[in-house]
Amino acid sequence: MTALLGRVLVGGFFLWTGILNAMNFPETAAVFGTLQLPSPVALAILVVVIQVCAGVALVVGMRIRVASLVLAAFLLIMTPILHNTFGDPQQLPLFLQNLALVGALLYIAAIEK
């Protein structure tokens, strides 16, 4: 029961974040544009799709291992890009939060079949 609750909470976090990013899509794409990333609109679409689809998969219990590994890889790639702890020390808590989420996702991947 606790594994289910943990999975729903972690998946719900990504689902909710993905929905917010979709609802504020111009701002989401603008963030990627200000970071000088290539194709900010396409990247924003990819981010929303990953967050929503993998979040739903975790919440409903479908392809759990794949969804959690995709989200862990996503966070490992995006965290240093979005939360530059060297340029802004106020980003450190968000950087560490994302690393904690990576740990939770890897644990979910390890215990799920």
C-alpha atoms as a PDB file:
ATOM      1  CA  MET A   1       0.000   0.000   0.000  1.00  0.00           C
ATOM      2  CA  THR A   2       2.826   2.439   0.768  1.00  0.00           C
ATOM      3  CA  ALA A   3       4.500   1.689  -2.588  1.00  0.00           C
ATOM      4  CA  LEU A   4       1.231   2.562  -4.333  1.00  0.00           C
ATOM      5  CA  LEU A   5       0.884   5.799  -2.386  1.00  0.00           C
ATOM      6  CA  GLY A   6       4.482   6.791  -3.097  1.00  0.00           C
ATOM      7  CA  ARG A   7       4.089   6.038  -6.788  1.00  0.00           C
ATOM      8  CA  VAL A   8       0.858   8.040  -7.003  1.00  0.00           C
ATOM      9  CA  LEU A   9       2.413  11.011  -5.201  1.00  0.00           C
ATOM     10  CA  VAL A  10       5.543  11.057  -7.376  1.00  0.00           C
ATOM     11  CA  GLY A  11       3.557  10.459 -10.565  1.00  0.00           C
ATOM     12  CA  GLY A  12       1.002  13.061  -9.537  1.00  0.00           C
ATOM     13  CA  PHE A  13       3.775  15.617  -9.088  1.00  0.00           C
ATOM     14  CA  PHE A  14       4.907  15.131 -12.701  1.00  0.00           C
ATOM     15  CA  LEU A  15       1.355  14.976 -14.024  1.00  0.00           C
ATOM     16  CA  TRP A  16       0.450  18.241 -12.279  1.00  0.00           C
ATOM     17  CA  THR A  17       3.676  19.939 -13.413  1.00  0.00           C
ATOM     18  CA  GLY A  18       3.057  18.808 -16.989  1.00  0.00           C
ATOM     19  CA  ILE A  19      -0.505  20.135 -16.908  1.00  0.00           C
ATOM     20  CA  LEU A  20       0.703  23.487 -15.574  1.00  0.00           C
ATOM     21  CA  ASN A  21       3.404  23.630 -18.266  1.00  0.00           C
ATOM     22  CA  ALA A  22       0.769  22.886 -20.930  1.00  0.00           C
ATOM     23  CA  MET A  23      -1.618  25.507 -19.557  1.00  0.00           C
ATOM     24  CA  ASN A  24       1.206  28.075 -19.546  1.00  0.00           C
ATOM     25  CA  PHE A  25       2.792  26.843 -22.749  1.00  0.00           C
ATOM     26  CA  PRO A  26       4.050  30.195 -24.075  1.00  0.00           C
ATOM     27  CA  GLU A  27       5.888  30.828 -20.803  1.00  0.00           C
ATOM     28  CA  THR A  28       7.291  27.287 -20.782  1.00  0.00           C
ATOM     29  CA  ALA A  29       8.687  27.712 -24.287  1.00  0.00           C
ATOM     30  CA  ALA A  30       9.996  31.182 -23.401  1.00  0.00           C
ATOM     31  CA  VAL A  31      12.027  29.740 -20.512  1.00  0.00           C
ATOM     32  CA  PHE A  32      13.768  27.369 -22.913  1.00  0.00           C
ATOM     33  CA  GLY A  33      14.305  30.249 -25.325  1.00  0.00           C
ATOM     34  CA  THR A  34      15.982  32.398 -22.673  1.00  0.00           C
ATOM     35  CA  LEU A  35      18.352  29.508 -21.925  1.00  0.00           C
ATOM     36  CA  GLN A  36      19.433  29.524 -25.579  1.00  0.00           C
ATOM     37  CA  LEU A  37      18.260  25.945 -26.073  1.00  0.00           C
ATOM     38  CA  PRO A  38      17.554  24.832 -29.644  1.00  0.00           C
ATOM     39  CA  SER A  39      13.926  24.666 -30.791  1.00  0.00           C
ATOM     40  CA  PRO A  40      12.326  25.934 -27.569  1.00  0.00           C
ATOM     41  CA  VAL A  41       8.771  25.225 -28.767  1.00  0.00           C
ATOM     42  CA  ALA A  42       9.579  21.632 -29.746  1.00  0.00           C
ATOM     43  CA  LEU A  43      11.453  21.163 -26.474  1.00  0.00           C
ATOM     44  CA  ALA A  44       8.496  22.517 -24.492  1.00  0.00           C
ATOM     45  CA  ILE A  45       6.172  20.088 -26.285  1.00  0.00           C
ATOM     46  CA  LEU A  46       8.526  17.209 -25.492  1.00  0.00           C
ATOM     47  CA  VAL A  47       8.718  18.227 -21.822  1.00  0.00           C
ATOM     48  CA  VAL A  48       4.919  18.404 -21.489  1.00  0.00           C
ATOM     49  CA  VAL A  49       4.457  15.031 -23.212  1.00  0.00           C
ATOM     50  CA  ILE A  50       7.068  13.347 -21.009  1.00  0.00           C
ATOM     51  CA  GLN A  51       5.703  14.820 -17.790  1.00  0.00           C
ATOM     52  CA  VAL A  52       2.042  14.098 -18.545  1.00  0.00           C
ATOM     53  CA  CYS A  53       2.420  10.640 -20.112  1.00  0.00           C
ATOM     54  CA  ALA A  54       4.946   9.292 -17.615  1.00  0.00           C
ATOM     55  CA  GLY A  55       3.049  10.919 -14.726  1.00  0.00           C
ATOM     56  CA  VAL A  56      -0.181   9.231 -15.801  1.00  0.00           C
ATOM     57  CA  ALA A  57       1.640   5.911 -16.224  1.00  0.00           C
ATOM     58  CA  LEU A  58       2.937   6.083 -12.651  1.00  0.00           C
ATOM     59  CA  VAL A  59      -0.422   7.112 -11.205  1.00  0.00           C
ATOM     60  CA  VAL A  60      -2.395   4.357 -12.944  1.00  0.00           C
ATOM     61  CA  GLY A  61       0.349   1.719 -12.632  1.00  0.00           C
ATOM     62  CA  MET A  62       1.084   1.156 -16.304  1.00  0.00           C
ATOM     63  CA  ARG A  63       4.670   0.544 -17.543  1.00  0.00           C
ATOM     64  CA  ILE A  64       5.918   1.745 -14.160  1.00  0.00           C
ATOM     65  CA  ARG A  65       9.577   0.863 -14.586  1.00  0.00           C
ATOM     66  CA  VAL A  66       9.815   2.491 -18.023  1.00  0.00           C
ATOM     67  CA  ALA A  67       7.952   5.613 -16.887  1.00  0.00           C
ATOM     68  CA  SER A  68      10.088   6.063 -13.795  1.00  0.00           C
ATOM     69  CA  LEU A  69      13.349   5.563 -15.737  1.00  0.00           C
ATOM     70  CA  VAL A  70      12.238   8.032 -18.417  1.00  0.00           C
ATOM     71  CA  LEU A  71      11.435  10.622 -15.748  1.00  0.00           C
ATOM     72  CA  ALA A  72      14.723   9.983 -13.940  1.00  0.00           C
ATOM     73  CA  ALA A  73      16.689  10.465 -17.178  1.00  0.00           C
ATOM     74  CA  PHE A  74      14.614  13.553 -17.979  1.00  0.00           C
ATOM     75  CA  LEU A  75      15.445  15.092 -14.597  1.00  0.00           C
ATOM     76  CA  LEU A  76      19.124  14.193 -14.831  1.00  0.00           C
ATOM     77  CA  ILE A  77      19.310  16.025 -18.161  1.00  0.00           C
ATOM     78  CA  MET A  78      17.123  19.029 -17.326  1.00  0.00           C
ATOM     79  CA  THR A  79      18.173  19.755 -13.734  1.00  0.00           C
ATOM     80  CA  PRO A  80      21.644  21.171 -14.470  1.00  0.00           C
ATOM     81  CA  ILE A  81      20.188  23.168 -17.378  1.00  0.00           C
ATOM     82  CA  LEU A  82      17.299  24.719 -15.450  1.00  0.00           C
ATOM     83  CA  HIS A  83      18.852  25.059 -12.001  1.00  0.00           C
ATOM     84  CA  ASN A  84      22.322  26.542 -12.383  1.00  0.00           C
ATOM     85  CA  THR A  85      23.590  26.435  -8.811  1.00  0.00           C
ATOM     86  CA  PHE A  86      26.839  28.141  -9.787  1.00  0.00           C
ATOM     87  CA  GLY A  87      25.124  31.206 -11.225  1.00  0.00           C
ATOM     88  CA  ASP A  88      22.352  31.492  -8.650  1.00  0.00           C
ATOM     89  CA  PRO A  89      22.690  29.962  -5.178  1.00  0.00           C
ATOM     90  CA  GLN A  90      18.915  30.253  -4.693  1.00  0.00           C
ATOM     91  CA  GLN A  91      18.589  27.453  -7.260  1.00  0.00           C
ATOM     92  CA  LEU A  92      20.359  24.943  -4.981  1.00  0.00           C
ATOM     93  CA  PRO A  93      17.186  23.782  -3.159  1.00  0.00           C
ATOM     94  CA  LEU A  94      15.458  23.096  -6.501  1.00  0.00           C
ATOM     95  CA  PHE A  95      18.548  21.277  -7.764  1.00  0.00           C
ATOM     96  CA  LEU A  96      18.612  19.085  -4.652  1.00  0.00           C
ATOM     97  CA  GLN A  97      14.838  18.527  -4.805  1.00  0.00           C
ATOM     98  CA  ASN A  98      15.198  17.194  -8.331  1.00  0.00           C
ATOM     99  CA  LEU A  99      18.028  14.889  -7.263  1.00  0.00           C
ATOM    100  CA  ALA A 100      15.773  13.561  -4.488  1.00  0.00           C
ATOM    101  CA  LEU A 101      13.059  12.933  -7.077  1.00  0.00           C
ATOM    102  CA  VAL A 102      15.589  11.042  -9.211  1.00  0.00           C
ATOM    103  CA  GLY A 103      16.311   8.873  -6.170  1.00  0.00           C
ATOM    104  CA  ALA A 104      12.600   8.218  -5.646  1.00  0.00           C
ATOM    105  CA  LEU A 105      12.137   7.357  -9.324  1.00  0.00           C
ATOM    106  CA  LEU A 106      15.087   4.972  -9.311  1.00  0.00           C
ATOM    107  CA  TYR A 107      13.699   3.302  -6.203  1.00  0.00           C
ATOM    108  CA  ILE A 108      10.306   2.926  -7.886  1.00  0.00           C
ATOM    109  CA  ALA A 109      12.016   1.390 -10.926  1.00  0.00           C
ATOM    110  CA  ALA A 110      13.925  -1.026  -8.679  1.00  0.00           C
ATOM    111  CA  ILE A 111      10.921  -2.323  -6.742  1.00  0.00           C
ATOM    112  CA  GLU A 112       8.390  -2.520  -9.577  1.00  0.00           C
ATOM    113  CA  LYS A 113       8.197  -5.431 -11.950  1.00  0.00           C
END
